[in-house]
Amino acid sequence: MGICATCGNEYGSTFTITKDGRSFDFDSFECAIHKLAPSCAHCGCRVVGHGVQQDDTVYCCAHCAQQAGDTGLVDHN
């Protein structure tokens, strides 16, 4: 039985994700997203898809980047 790194649930079918040399056990993709996915610097939602990035700042879309003052970014097609 593993313990989820996000919610603490003890679960028989956890899975492990390794990122930047650190490993985490999760009981669901939802918990993995909450722990590992970056947040949009403008609206705060978790960036699960491609998103856009200006230097070290991540946005969920070009619209949020523009609203935050980072112009010139476009959504991936």
Protein backbone atom coordinates (compact mmCIF):
# COMPACT_ATOMS: atom_id res chain seq x y z
CA MET A 1 0.00 0.00 0.00
CA GLY A 2 1.41 3.34 -1.04
CA ILE A 3 0.54 6.76 0.33
CA CYS A 4 -0.40 9.59 -2.03
CA ALA A 5 2.05 12.53 -1.89
CA THR A 6 -0.81 15.01 -2.37
CA CYS A 7 -3.79 13.83 -0.32
CA GLY A 8 -2.21 11.24 1.97
CA ASN A 9 -4.62 8.50 0.91
CA GLU A 10 -3.31 4.99 1.50
CA TYR A 11 -4.04 3.11 -1.71
CA GLY A 12 -3.16 -0.28 -3.12
CA SER A 13 -2.57 0.90 -6.68
CA THR A 14 -0.44 4.01 -6.37
CA PHE A 15 1.90 4.95 -9.18
CA THR A 16 5.22 6.77 -9.05
CA ILE A 17 6.33 9.81 -11.03
CA THR A 18 9.95 10.91 -10.97
CA LYS A 19 10.70 14.55 -11.80
CA ASP A 20 14.01 16.34 -11.42
CA GLY A 21 15.43 13.39 -9.50
CA ARG A 22 12.61 13.28 -6.93
CA SER A 23 9.98 10.53 -6.85
CA PHE A 24 6.38 10.91 -5.73
CA ASP A 25 3.63 8.30 -5.26
CA PHE A 26 0.07 9.22 -6.27
CA ASP A 27 -3.33 7.57 -6.09
CA SER A 28 -4.75 9.50 -9.08
CA PHE A 29 -3.75 11.70 -11.99
CA GLU A 30 -5.71 14.50 -10.34
CA CYS A 31 -3.38 14.43 -7.31
CA ALA A 32 -0.31 14.25 -9.57
CA ILE A 33 -1.51 17.34 -11.45
CA HIS A 34 -2.07 19.27 -8.22
CA LYS A 35 1.41 18.42 -6.99
CA LEU A 36 3.48 18.69 -10.18
CA ALA A 37 1.79 20.84 -12.83
CA PRO A 38 2.75 24.52 -12.86
CA SER A 39 0.12 27.19 -12.17
CA CYS A 40 -0.70 29.95 -14.65
CA ALA A 41 0.94 33.17 -13.46
CA HIS A 42 -2.20 35.13 -14.42
CA CYS A 43 -5.31 33.09 -13.59
CA GLY A 44 -3.81 30.44 -11.29
CA CYS A 45 -5.20 27.36 -13.05
CA ARG A 46 -2.99 24.29 -13.37
CA VAL A 47 -1.29 24.10 -16.77
CA VAL A 48 -2.03 20.56 -17.92
CA GLY A 49 -1.57 21.14 -21.65
CA HIS A 50 1.16 22.93 -23.55
CA GLY A 51 0.67 26.41 -22.13
CA VAL A 52 3.04 29.23 -23.06
CA GLN A 53 6.14 30.50 -21.34
CA GLN A 54 8.07 33.78 -21.16
CA ASP A 55 11.46 33.22 -19.54
CA ASP A 56 10.56 31.39 -16.27
CA THR A 57 6.92 32.53 -16.22
CA VAL A 58 4.29 29.97 -17.29
CA TYR A 59 0.78 30.81 -18.52
CA CYS A 60 -2.06 28.50 -19.49
CA CYS A 61 -2.61 30.41 -22.75
CA ALA A 62 -1.49 33.43 -24.78
CA HIS A 63 -4.55 35.41 -23.60
CA CYS A 64 -3.44 35.16 -19.96
CA ALA A 65 0.11 36.11 -20.97
CA GLN A 66 -1.19 39.19 -22.76
CA GLN A 67 -3.39 40.12 -19.77
CA ALA A 68 -0.28 39.92 -17.57
CA GLY A 69 1.68 42.16 -19.95
CA ASP A 70 3.77 39.53 -21.73
CA THR A 71 3.04 40.25 -25.38
CA GLY A 72 4.17 38.33 -28.41
CA LEU A 73 3.33 34.85 -27.11
CA VAL A 74 0.99 32.69 -29.17
CA ASP A 75 -0.86 29.49 -28.36
CA HIS A 76 0.55 26.27 -29.81
CA ASN A 77 -1.47 24.77 -32.63
